[in-house]
C-alpha cells in the first residue's frame, strides 16, 4: 500500500508541475491579443514572442535531462517553476516588443526544466503496462492547467483586471508551487540526486551515450512528435486572431483558446489509454485524420459553428501528444529516460519555434486562413511515417500485447 501511495504522490506532484508550467504558456495565448493592442504588434512579432519561450525550452531541455542524472529531478523541477515565475513577475516592466521577448525567454528557461524531468519520474514510478496510462494522466494534467489558467486569464480580462496584475499573480503562484513540489517529492524520495527511490536510478551508467536502443525508431518518433507540436503551438497562437478576423470581440475571441483546451484535456487523458488498447500506430493515424478534418471544419464554418467545433479540435489536436510522448520510453534505456525525454522535448520545442514564426509571416503576407490551411497539410505528414514507426515498435517488442495488433 505504501508503494501504491508513493506512486500516486509522485504522479500527483508531476501533474501539478505540468499544470502550472503549461498553464502559464496557455495564459500567454489569452494575453497575446491584449499585448498586441497595447504595443501595436504585428502577426510576425506575435509569432516571435510566442517562439521566445520555445526557444529557451529547446536550448535548455537537453541540459535539464543531463543535469538530472547528477542533481536529481526534484531540485531542478522546483528551479524551473521559480524561474518561470520570475519571468512572469518581470513581464509588467516591459516597455515593448524587446522587453516582452526577454521576459518570456526567462520563463522559457524555467519551462525547460519540467517535461523531461517529470516524465522520467512518472516512467520510473510505474511498470511497462501502467506507464502509458500514467503518462496519459500526466499529459491531461497539463491541459487541465492550461484550461484553468487560460480561463482565469480570460475571466480576469473580462472583469477589467489589467494584464500586469494577471502576470504578477501567475508569477507568484509558480514560485509557491515550486516550494510545494519540493516538499512533496522529498516525502517520497523521488527525483533525488544520483540515487533516490526509483528502481532504475542505480543503473544509469550501464547505458552508453543517450541510451537510445533503436535510433531509426527514435528518429521517426521525433519527426512525428515535432510535427504534432508545431501544429499544436501554431493553432493555439493564432486561433484567437482567426476569430477576431471573423468580427468576434477580443475578450470573446480569447475564449477560443479555452474551448480548445477543454477538448485537449479530455483528449490527452483518453488518447493514452486509446493507444494502450488499440495500438500506437492505429491510434495515431485515426487521431491525425480527425484533426485534419476538424481544422478544415473550423476554418470553413460560420463563427458560431466554428466555436462549437473547437473542443472537438482540441480532443484530437492535443490528444496525439499522449500517444507520441508515451512511446519515448519504448526506444530509450531505462537508465537514460531523462535524456531521452529531454531530447525529444527539445526537438519538439524547436519545431514549436518555427511554427508561430513561419505561419505568422504567412499570415502577414497572405492572411491567416491560407496559413491555417497549410497547417492541415502538416497534420497529415505523420501518416507517411507511421509505417516506419510500426516496424520500429515491432523490433523493440517492449509491449507484446500492443505490437501484434499493428502487424
Protein backbone atom coordinates (compact mmCIF):
# COMPACT_ATOMS: atom_id res chain seq x y z
CA UNK A 1 0.00 0.00 0.00
CA UNK A 2 2.88 2.33 0.77
CA UNK A 3 4.35 1.74 -2.68
CA UNK A 4 0.99 2.44 -4.31
CA UNK A 5 0.58 5.68 -2.36
CA UNK A 6 4.13 6.71 -3.25
CA UNK A 7 3.42 6.24 -6.94
CA UNK A 8 0.24 8.27 -6.71
CA UNK A 9 2.05 11.05 -4.84
CA UNK A 10 4.79 11.17 -7.46
CA UNK A 11 2.24 11.26 -10.26
CA UNK A 12 0.18 13.93 -8.50
CA UNK A 13 3.25 16.12 -7.88
CA UNK A 14 4.33 15.85 -11.51
CA UNK A 15 0.79 16.64 -12.62
CA UNK A 16 0.83 19.83 -10.55
CA UNK A 17 4.12 20.91 -12.13
CA UNK A 18 2.81 20.13 -15.58
CA UNK A 19 -0.41 22.01 -14.92
CA UNK A 20 1.36 25.13 -13.69
CA UNK A 21 4.03 25.27 -16.39
CA UNK A 22 1.67 24.52 -19.28
CA UNK A 23 -0.92 26.81 -17.72
CA UNK A 24 1.49 29.73 -17.83
CA UNK A 25 2.06 29.08 -21.52
CA UNK A 26 -1.67 28.90 -22.19
CA UNK A 27 -2.28 32.12 -20.28
CA UNK A 28 0.08 33.78 -22.72
CA UNK A 29 -2.17 32.71 -25.62
CA UNK A 30 -5.00 34.63 -23.96
CA UNK A 31 -2.83 37.65 -23.20
CA UNK A 32 -1.36 37.93 -26.71
CA UNK A 33 -4.34 39.76 -28.28
CA UNK A 34 -4.25 42.27 -25.41
CA UNK A 35 -0.49 42.74 -25.70
CA UNK A 36 -0.85 43.13 -29.47
CA UNK A 37 -3.29 46.01 -28.98
CA UNK A 38 -1.28 47.67 -26.22
CA UNK A 39 2.08 47.55 -28.00
CA UNK A 40 0.89 47.53 -31.63
CA UNK A 41 2.42 44.16 -32.52
CA UNK A 42 2.28 42.54 -35.96
CA UNK A 43 1.50 38.85 -36.54
CA UNK A 44 5.20 38.20 -37.12
CA UNK A 45 6.11 39.84 -33.81
CA UNK A 46 3.41 37.83 -32.05
CA UNK A 47 4.90 34.66 -33.50
CA UNK A 48 8.39 35.68 -32.36
CA UNK A 49 7.18 36.48 -28.84
CA UNK A 50 5.48 33.10 -28.58
CA UNK A 51 8.56 31.43 -30.02
CA UNK A 52 10.76 33.02 -27.34
CA UNK A 53 9.56 30.57 -24.71
CA UNK A 54 10.00 27.62 -27.03
CA UNK A 55 13.49 28.82 -27.99
CA UNK A 56 14.62 28.75 -24.39
CA UNK A 57 12.97 25.36 -23.93
CA UNK A 58 14.74 23.95 -26.99
CA UNK A 59 18.11 25.18 -25.72
CA UNK A 60 17.79 24.04 -22.10
CA UNK A 61 15.65 20.89 -22.44
CA UNK A 62 18.62 18.58 -23.10
CA UNK A 63 20.85 20.14 -20.39
CA UNK A 64 17.99 19.65 -17.91
CA UNK A 65 17.93 15.92 -18.64
CA UNK A 66 21.71 15.62 -18.31
CA UNK A 67 21.78 17.67 -15.09
CA UNK A 68 19.06 15.44 -13.63
CA UNK A 69 21.47 12.50 -13.68
CA UNK A 70 23.78 14.41 -11.35
CA UNK A 71 21.48 16.57 -9.21
CA UNK A 72 18.18 14.72 -9.45
CA UNK A 73 14.88 15.78 -10.98
CA UNK A 74 13.38 17.14 -7.77
CA UNK A 75 15.53 20.25 -7.28
CA UNK A 76 15.53 21.05 -10.99
CA UNK A 77 11.73 20.90 -11.18
CA UNK A 78 11.48 23.41 -8.32
CA UNK A 79 14.07 25.62 -10.02
CA UNK A 80 12.04 25.52 -13.23
CA UNK A 81 8.88 26.75 -11.54
CA UNK A 82 10.78 29.51 -9.74
CA UNK A 83 12.43 30.67 -12.98
CA UNK A 84 9.11 30.69 -14.84
CA UNK A 85 7.59 32.68 -12.00
CA UNK A 86 10.34 35.30 -12.19
CA UNK A 87 9.77 35.68 -15.93
CA UNK A 88 6.10 36.47 -15.39
CA UNK A 89 6.85 38.79 -12.45
CA UNK A 90 9.12 40.83 -14.73
CA UNK A 91 6.60 40.93 -17.58
CA UNK A 92 4.77 44.10 -16.38
CA UNK A 93 8.08 46.00 -16.50
CA UNK A 94 8.29 45.51 -20.27
CA UNK A 95 8.09 48.63 -22.44
CA UNK A 96 7.61 46.93 -25.79
CA UNK A 97 8.42 44.04 -28.09
CA UNK A 98 12.01 43.50 -26.91
CA UNK A 99 11.12 43.56 -23.22
CA UNK A 100 8.27 41.11 -23.67
CA UNK A 101 10.53 38.75 -25.59
CA UNK A 102 13.27 38.83 -22.94
CA UNK A 103 10.84 38.14 -20.10
CA UNK A 104 9.37 35.18 -21.92
CA UNK A 105 12.85 33.86 -22.63
CA UNK A 106 13.37 33.73 -18.86
CA UNK A 107 10.04 31.97 -18.41
CA UNK A 108 11.03 29.57 -21.17
CA UNK A 109 14.22 28.60 -19.35
CA UNK A 110 12.07 27.59 -16.39
CA UNK A 111 9.66 25.70 -18.61
CA UNK A 112 12.58 23.63 -19.97
CA UNK A 113 13.09 22.13 -16.51
CA UNK A 114 9.81 20.27 -16.48
CA UNK A 115 8.61 17.88 -19.20
CA UNK A 116 11.58 15.55 -19.40
CA UNK A 117 12.14 15.52 -15.64
CA UNK A 118 8.51 14.86 -14.72
CA UNK A 119 8.13 12.25 -17.45
CA UNK A 120 11.19 10.41 -16.14
CA UNK A 121 9.76 10.34 -12.61
CA UNK A 122 6.40 9.05 -13.85
CA UNK A 123 8.01 6.37 -16.03
CA UNK A 124 10.25 5.24 -13.16
CA UNK A 125 7.28 5.02 -10.81
CA UNK A 126 5.20 2.66 -12.98
CA UNK A 127 5.86 -0.59 -14.82
CA UNK A 128 5.63 -1.00 -18.60
CA UNK A 129 1.90 -1.79 -18.51
CA UNK A 130 0.96 1.13 -16.29
CA UNK A 131 3.22 3.89 -17.56
CA UNK A 132 1.27 4.66 -20.76
CA UNK A 133 -1.91 5.32 -18.81
CA UNK A 134 0.02 7.22 -16.14
CA UNK A 135 1.63 9.43 -18.78
CA UNK A 136 -1.82 9.96 -20.26
CA UNK A 137 -2.99 11.27 -16.88
CA UNK A 138 0.16 13.39 -16.64
CA UNK A 139 -0.44 14.89 -20.09
CA UNK A 140 -4.10 15.53 -19.27
CA UNK A 141 -2.99 17.42 -16.16
CA UNK A 142 -1.05 19.76 -18.42
CA UNK A 143 -4.20 20.60 -20.33
CA UNK A 144 -6.13 20.94 -17.09
CA UNK A 145 -3.60 23.57 -16.07
CA UNK A 146 -3.85 25.23 -19.46
CA UNK A 147 -7.61 25.34 -19.14
CA UNK A 148 -7.56 26.67 -15.58
CA UNK A 149 -5.04 29.46 -16.15
CA UNK A 150 -6.34 30.37 -19.61
CA UNK A 151 -9.88 30.54 -18.27
CA UNK A 152 -8.71 32.58 -15.28
CA UNK A 153 -6.94 34.99 -17.64
CA UNK A 154 -9.99 35.29 -19.87
CA UNK A 155 -12.30 35.96 -16.92
CA UNK A 156 -9.84 38.41 -15.36
CA UNK A 157 -9.58 40.38 -18.60
CA UNK A 158 -13.36 40.33 -18.93
CA UNK A 159 -13.91 41.85 -15.49
CA UNK A 160 -11.30 44.54 -16.04
CA UNK A 161 -8.17 43.23 -14.31
CA UNK A 162 -5.05 44.55 -16.02
CA UNK A 163 -2.72 42.19 -17.83
CA UNK A 164 0.04 43.33 -15.48
CA UNK A 165 -1.94 42.13 -12.47
CA UNK A 166 -2.58 38.78 -14.13
CA UNK A 167 1.12 38.30 -14.86
CA UNK A 168 2.16 39.08 -11.29
CA UNK A 169 -0.45 36.71 -9.86
CA UNK A 170 0.71 33.85 -12.06
CA UNK A 171 4.36 34.53 -11.26
CA UNK A 172 3.75 34.29 -7.52
CA UNK A 173 1.70 31.12 -7.98
CA UNK A 174 4.55 29.45 -9.87
CA UNK A 175 7.11 30.24 -7.17
CA UNK A 176 4.79 28.94 -4.44
CA UNK A 177 4.14 25.81 -6.49
CA UNK A 178 7.87 25.12 -6.66
CA UNK A 179 8.09 25.13 -2.87
CA UNK A 180 5.15 22.73 -2.52
CA UNK A 181 6.60 20.41 -5.15
CA UNK A 182 9.97 20.24 -3.42
CA UNK A 183 8.29 19.22 -0.17
CA UNK A 184 6.03 16.58 -1.75
CA UNK A 185 8.76 14.79 -3.70
CA UNK A 186 11.09 14.88 -0.73
CA UNK A 187 8.47 12.93 1.25
CA UNK A 188 8.52 10.08 -1.27
CA UNK A 189 12.23 10.33 -2.04
CA UNK A 190 11.51 10.66 -5.75
CA UNK A 191 13.86 12.57 -8.02
CA UNK A 192 16.71 12.72 -5.54
CA UNK A 193 20.32 13.34 -6.52
CA UNK A 194 22.12 10.36 -8.04
CA UNK A 195 20.17 7.67 -6.24
CA UNK A 196 16.68 8.32 -4.92
CA UNK A 197 13.89 5.81 -4.67
CA UNK A 198 13.48 4.88 -8.34
CA UNK A 199 14.33 1.27 -9.20
CA UNK A 200 16.34 2.35 -12.25
CA UNK A 201 18.43 5.12 -10.73
CA UNK A 202 21.27 2.83 -9.68
CA UNK A 203 21.86 1.75 -13.28
CA UNK A 204 22.26 4.84 -15.48
CA UNK A 205 26.00 4.30 -16.04
CA UNK A 206 25.26 0.95 -17.68
CA UNK A 207 23.71 2.61 -20.73
CA UNK A 208 26.19 4.14 -23.18
CA UNK A 209 25.60 7.56 -24.72
CA UNK A 210 21.98 8.60 -24.88
CA UNK A 211 20.66 5.11 -24.20
CA UNK A 212 18.62 5.01 -27.42
CA UNK A 213 18.10 1.34 -28.27
CA UNK A 214 16.58 1.93 -31.73
CA UNK A 215 17.93 5.03 -33.46
CA UNK A 216 15.72 4.69 -36.52
CA UNK A 217 12.57 4.30 -34.45
CA UNK A 218 13.51 7.20 -32.19
CA UNK A 219 14.23 9.42 -35.20
CA UNK A 220 10.84 8.62 -36.74
CA UNK A 221 9.08 9.24 -33.43
CA UNK A 222 10.95 12.54 -33.06
CA UNK A 223 9.83 13.68 -36.51
CA UNK A 224 6.20 12.79 -35.80
CA UNK A 225 6.26 14.45 -32.38
CA UNK A 226 7.85 17.60 -33.79
CA UNK A 227 5.20 17.94 -36.50
CA UNK A 228 2.45 17.44 -33.93
CA UNK A 229 3.96 20.07 -31.61
CA UNK A 230 4.42 22.54 -34.45
CA UNK A 231 0.75 22.37 -35.39
CA UNK A 232 -0.44 22.49 -31.79
CA UNK A 233 1.55 25.60 -30.90
CA UNK A 234 0.68 27.43 -34.10
CA UNK A 235 -3.04 26.75 -33.86
CA UNK A 236 -3.25 27.88 -30.23
CA UNK A 237 -1.22 31.00 -31.01
CA UNK A 238 -3.47 32.21 -33.82
CA UNK A 239 -6.94 30.76 -33.18
CA UNK A 240 -8.00 33.87 -31.23
CA UNK A 241 -6.86 36.06 -34.13
CA UNK A 242 -8.84 33.94 -36.58
CA UNK A 243 -11.94 34.61 -34.52
CA UNK A 244 -11.09 38.32 -34.39
CA UNK A 245 -10.95 38.31 -38.21
CA UNK A 246 -14.48 36.90 -38.07
CA UNK A 247 -15.51 40.07 -36.18
CA UNK A 248 -15.53 38.46 -32.74
CA UNK A 249 -14.65 40.95 -29.93
CA UNK A 250 -11.18 40.48 -28.45
CA UNK A 251 -12.35 39.39 -24.98
CA UNK A 252 -14.63 36.75 -26.52
CA UNK A 253 -12.06 35.62 -29.09
CA UNK A 254 -9.72 34.70 -26.24
CA UNK A 255 -12.27 32.08 -25.15
CA UNK A 256 -11.46 30.17 -28.35
CA UNK A 257 -8.24 29.08 -26.66
CA UNK A 258 -10.15 27.94 -23.60
CA UNK A 259 -12.61 25.90 -25.67
CA UNK A 260 -9.75 24.19 -27.49
CA UNK A 261 -8.03 23.38 -24.21
CA UNK A 262 -11.22 21.88 -22.77
CA UNK A 263 -11.17 19.32 -25.53
CA UNK A 264 -7.41 18.92 -25.22
CA UNK A 265 -7.67 17.95 -21.58
CA UNK A 266 -10.11 15.17 -22.45
CA UNK A 267 -8.08 14.11 -25.47
CA UNK A 268 -4.77 13.78 -23.65
CA UNK A 269 -6.39 11.67 -20.95
CA UNK A 270 -8.25 9.44 -23.39
CA UNK A 271 -5.63 9.01 -26.11
CA UNK A 272 -3.07 7.50 -23.75
CA UNK A 273 -5.48 4.69 -22.92
CA UNK A 274 -6.59 4.51 -26.56
CA UNK A 275 -3.02 3.74 -27.63
CA UNK A 276 -2.68 1.12 -24.93
CA UNK A 277 -5.86 -0.60 -26.09
CA UNK A 278 -5.74 -0.38 -29.89
CA UNK A 279 -2.05 0.17 -30.58
CA UNK A 280 0.14 3.19 -31.06
CA UNK A 281 0.14 3.43 -34.85
CA UNK A 282 -3.56 2.76 -35.38
CA UNK A 283 -4.47 5.35 -32.76
CA UNK A 284 -2.09 7.93 -34.22
CA UNK A 285 -3.44 7.51 -37.75
CA UNK A 286 -7.03 7.90 -36.54
CA UNK A 287 -6.26 10.97 -34.43
CA UNK A 288 -4.32 12.78 -37.18
CA UNK A 289 -7.04 12.20 -39.78
CA UNK A 290 -9.72 13.52 -37.43
CA UNK A 291 -7.54 16.52 -36.54
CA UNK A 292 -7.23 17.49 -40.21
CA UNK A 293 -10.98 17.19 -40.75
CA UNK A 294 -11.73 19.30 -37.69
CA UNK A 295 -9.27 22.04 -38.68
CA UNK A 296 -10.89 22.35 -42.09
CA UNK A 297 -14.29 22.47 -40.39
CA UNK A 298 -13.29 25.31 -38.06
CA UNK A 299 -11.80 27.38 -40.88
CA UNK A 300 -14.74 26.95 -43.22
CA UNK A 301 -17.60 27.06 -40.73
CA UNK A 302 -19.54 30.15 -39.63
CA UNK A 303 -18.35 31.70 -36.39
CA UNK A 304 -20.87 30.00 -34.08
CA UNK A 305 -20.33 26.55 -35.54
CA UNK A 306 -16.57 27.12 -35.50
CA UNK A 307 -16.72 27.88 -31.79
CA UNK A 308 -18.71 24.70 -31.17
CA UNK A 309 -16.12 22.64 -33.06
CA UNK A 310 -13.15 23.92 -31.05
CA UNK A 311 -13.47 21.44 -28.14
CA UNK A 312 -13.58 18.61 -30.67
CA UNK A 313 -10.49 20.04 -32.38
CA UNK A 314 -8.78 20.10 -29.00
CA UNK A 315 -9.54 16.43 -28.34
CA UNK A 316 -7.62 15.27 -31.40
CA UNK A 317 -5.12 18.12 -31.82
CA UNK A 318 -3.84 17.87 -28.25
CA UNK A 319 -4.61 14.21 -27.63
CA UNK A 320 -1.98 12.97 -30.05
CA UNK A 321 0.71 14.09 -27.58
CA UNK A 322 -0.24 11.33 -25.16
CA UNK A 323 0.40 8.80 -27.92
CA UNK A 324 3.75 10.17 -29.07
CA UNK A 325 5.38 11.12 -25.76
CA UNK A 326 4.33 7.89 -24.05
CA UNK A 327 6.19 6.00 -26.78
CA UNK A 328 9.57 7.58 -25.96
CA UNK A 329 10.29 5.02 -23.23
CA UNK A 330 9.96 2.21 -25.79
CA UNK A 331 13.12 3.40 -27.56
CA UNK A 332 15.25 4.53 -24.59
CA UNK A 333 17.12 2.51 -21.96
CA UNK A 334 15.54 2.62 -18.52
CA UNK A 335 18.56 4.37 -17.01
CA UNK A 336 18.52 7.20 -19.57
CA UNK A 337 14.85 8.18 -19.52
CA UNK A 338 15.57 11.81 -18.57
CA UNK A 339 17.93 12.21 -21.51
CA UNK A 340 15.56 10.54 -23.94
CA UNK A 341 12.61 12.68 -22.94
CA UNK A 342 14.80 15.80 -22.88
CA UNK A 343 15.99 15.14 -26.43
CA UNK A 344 12.53 14.64 -27.90
CA UNK A 345 11.04 17.56 -25.97
CA UNK A 346 13.90 19.74 -27.19
CA UNK A 347 13.21 18.78 -30.80
CA UNK A 348 9.52 19.47 -30.27
CA UNK A 349 10.30 22.87 -28.80
CA UNK A 350 12.45 23.68 -31.82
CA UNK A 351 9.53 22.79 -34.08
CA UNK A 352 7.26 24.98 -31.98
CA UNK A 353 9.63 27.88 -32.57
CA UNK A 354 9.37 27.56 -36.32
CA UNK A 355 5.59 27.16 -36.39
CA UNK A 356 4.35 30.50 -35.00
CA UNK A 357 7.13 32.46 -36.73
CA UNK A 358 6.67 30.93 -40.19
CA UNK A 359 2.89 30.89 -40.11
CA UNK A 360 2.85 34.37 -38.60
CA UNK A 361 4.81 35.58 -41.62
CA UNK A 362 2.43 33.76 -43.96
CA UNK A 363 -0.46 35.38 -42.11
CA UNK A 364 1.04 38.85 -42.58
CA UNK A 365 1.55 38.29 -46.32
CA UNK A 366 -1.40 36.13 -47.37
CA UNK A 367 -3.81 36.17 -44.42
CA UNK A 368 -4.45 33.74 -41.59
CA UNK A 369 -6.86 31.47 -43.47
CA UNK A 370 -4.24 30.31 -46.02
CA UNK A 371 -1.75 29.89 -43.17
CA UNK A 372 -4.13 27.63 -41.28
CA UNK A 373 -4.84 25.58 -44.40
CA UNK A 374 -1.11 24.98 -44.65
CA UNK A 375 -1.27 23.51 -41.16
CA UNK A 376 -3.74 20.90 -42.37
CA UNK A 377 -1.07 19.57 -44.72
CA UNK A 378 1.40 19.29 -41.83
CA UNK A 379 -1.17 17.39 -39.77
CA UNK A 380 -1.27 14.69 -42.44
CA UNK A 381 2.52 14.33 -42.85
CA UNK A 382 2.94 11.98 -39.83
CA UNK A 383 0.80 9.43 -41.66
CA UNK A 384 3.68 8.91 -44.10
CA UNK A 385 5.97 7.98 -41.20
CA UNK A 386 3.61 5.60 -39.42
CA UNK A 387 4.80 2.54 -41.36
CA UNK A 388 8.38 3.03 -40.19
CA UNK A 389 7.22 3.63 -36.63
CA UNK A 390 5.26 0.38 -36.66
CA UNK A 391 8.31 -1.61 -37.77
CA UNK A 392 10.44 0.02 -35.08
CA UNK A 393 7.92 -0.87 -32.38
CA UNK A 394 7.90 -4.46 -33.56
CA UNK A 395 11.70 -4.55 -33.31
CA UNK A 396 11.72 -3.30 -29.73
CA UNK A 397 8.97 -5.72 -28.63
CA UNK A 398 8.52 -3.69 -25.47
CA UNK A 399 4.76 -4.19 -25.46
CA UNK A 400 3.89 -7.63 -26.82
CA UNK A 401 0.21 -7.01 -26.25
CA UNK A 402 0.23 -3.97 -28.50
CA UNK A 403 2.73 -4.72 -31.23
CA UNK A 404 0.96 -7.75 -32.73
CA UNK A 405 -2.16 -5.66 -33.29
CA UNK A 406 -0.13 -3.42 -35.59
CA UNK A 407 1.46 -6.16 -37.70
